[in-house]
């Protein structure tokens, strides 16, 4: 079943506000009412602070979830996905992959159907 990733103008405005203030937050990826991953959406060339990376990896590990850092282009049509913890590396090789919206949706579908 194909799923569309929709990002509302309100969500975009919130992401931009977080970027300007230097605050970032993770977003749970939910599939059929179940959290399947933690994600951090960022602009293409952004790098999260080390303390953020450690805190999010710890949170994801504690919840037994994969953590993905997802950098996006301005139009949210191309996504560079980087595994943020060991579990995410099981779903996606240890390197950054560039995915389309359908590819990102496929990754989340794969996460929902498997468990390591």
Protein backbone atom coordinates (compact mmCIF):
# COMPACT_ATOMS: atom_id res chain seq x y z
CA UNK A 1 0.00 0.00 0.00
CA UNK A 2 1.54 3.28 -1.12
CA UNK A 3 1.48 6.13 1.35
CA UNK A 4 1.94 9.79 0.54
CA UNK A 5 4.08 11.91 2.78
CA UNK A 6 2.28 15.18 3.29
CA UNK A 7 3.86 18.15 4.98
CA UNK A 8 1.42 20.94 5.68
CA UNK A 9 2.35 24.64 5.47
CA UNK A 10 1.95 24.75 9.26
CA UNK A 11 4.51 21.93 9.65
CA UNK A 12 6.91 23.72 7.29
CA UNK A 13 6.58 26.96 9.27
CA UNK A 14 7.29 25.07 12.50
CA UNK A 15 10.41 23.44 10.99
CA UNK A 16 11.66 26.85 9.84
CA UNK A 17 11.05 28.41 13.29
CA UNK A 18 12.94 25.59 14.95
CA UNK A 19 15.83 26.09 12.53
CA UNK A 20 16.06 29.84 13.20
CA UNK A 21 15.97 29.48 16.94
CA UNK A 22 18.46 26.63 16.91
CA UNK A 23 15.96 24.20 18.40
CA UNK A 24 15.46 20.85 16.77
CA UNK A 25 13.09 18.11 17.67
CA UNK A 26 12.55 14.55 16.66
CA UNK A 27 9.39 13.36 15.01
CA UNK A 28 8.06 9.86 15.50
CA UNK A 29 7.19 8.02 12.29
CA UNK A 30 3.85 6.34 12.95
CA UNK A 31 2.43 3.52 10.86
CA UNK A 32 -0.97 1.99 11.61
CA UNK A 33 -0.98 3.68 15.02
CA UNK A 34 2.44 2.27 16.01
CA UNK A 35 5.65 4.29 16.28
CA UNK A 36 8.16 2.61 13.97
CA UNK A 37 11.05 5.11 13.96
CA UNK A 38 12.30 8.45 15.23
CA UNK A 39 13.24 11.03 12.61
CA UNK A 40 14.90 14.42 12.51
CA UNK A 41 14.12 16.54 9.43
CA UNK A 42 16.78 19.14 8.56
CA UNK A 43 17.77 21.36 5.64
CA UNK A 44 20.17 19.80 3.11
CA UNK A 45 23.43 21.06 4.58
CA UNK A 46 22.59 21.18 8.28
CA UNK A 47 24.54 19.23 10.86
CA UNK A 48 22.97 18.47 14.25
CA UNK A 49 24.89 19.28 17.42
CA UNK A 50 26.74 16.38 19.04
CA UNK A 51 24.65 16.67 22.19
CA UNK A 52 21.46 16.41 20.14
CA UNK A 53 22.75 13.35 18.32
CA UNK A 54 23.68 11.60 21.56
CA UNK A 55 20.37 12.44 23.26
CA UNK A 56 18.26 11.32 20.32
CA UNK A 57 20.24 8.10 19.84
CA UNK A 58 19.81 7.35 23.54
CA UNK A 59 16.06 8.00 23.32
CA UNK A 60 15.71 5.81 20.20
CA UNK A 61 17.80 3.01 21.72
CA UNK A 62 15.73 3.11 24.90
CA UNK A 63 12.54 2.80 22.86
CA UNK A 64 14.13 0.13 20.61
CA UNK A 65 13.50 2.27 17.52
CA UNK A 66 15.65 3.22 14.54
CA UNK A 67 16.71 6.89 14.36
CA UNK A 68 17.03 8.55 10.96
CA UNK A 69 18.44 12.00 10.17
CA UNK A 70 16.59 13.19 7.09
CA UNK A 71 17.93 16.16 5.16
CA UNK A 72 15.55 17.59 2.58
CA UNK A 73 15.77 19.95 -0.35
CA UNK A 74 13.66 23.16 -0.28
CA UNK A 75 10.77 21.49 -2.14
CA UNK A 76 10.72 18.37 0.06
CA UNK A 77 11.13 16.18 -3.04
CA UNK A 78 14.55 14.66 -2.31
CA UNK A 79 15.70 13.26 1.02
CA UNK A 80 19.18 12.32 2.21
CA UNK A 81 18.64 9.71 4.90
CA UNK A 82 21.42 8.90 7.38
CA UNK A 83 21.11 6.21 10.06
CA UNK A 84 21.42 7.75 13.53
CA UNK A 85 21.82 4.58 15.57
CA UNK A 86 22.73 0.91 15.17
CA UNK A 87 19.12 -0.19 14.68
CA UNK A 88 18.65 2.29 11.81
CA UNK A 89 21.77 0.84 10.19
CA UNK A 90 20.00 -2.51 10.02
CA UNK A 91 17.26 -0.99 7.86
CA UNK A 92 19.51 1.24 5.80
CA UNK A 93 23.18 0.66 5.18
CA UNK A 94 25.58 2.69 7.33
CA UNK A 95 25.92 5.33 4.62
CA UNK A 96 23.66 8.20 3.60
CA UNK A 97 21.12 7.33 0.90
CA UNK A 98 19.23 9.79 -1.29
CA UNK A 99 15.56 8.86 -1.57
CA UNK A 100 12.48 10.27 -3.27
CA UNK A 101 9.21 10.67 -1.39
CA UNK A 102 8.20 7.19 -2.53
CA UNK A 103 11.57 5.82 -1.41
CA UNK A 104 11.21 7.42 2.03
CA UNK A 105 7.70 6.05 2.32
CA UNK A 106 9.05 2.63 1.30
CA UNK A 107 11.72 2.82 4.01
CA UNK A 108 9.07 3.50 6.66
CA UNK A 109 6.88 0.69 5.30
CA UNK A 110 9.89 -1.64 5.52
CA UNK A 111 10.48 -0.52 9.12
CA UNK A 112 6.86 -1.29 9.97
CA UNK A 113 7.03 -4.84 8.61
CA UNK A 114 10.33 -5.94 10.13
CA UNK A 115 11.78 -5.96 13.58
CA UNK A 116 15.34 -6.68 14.59
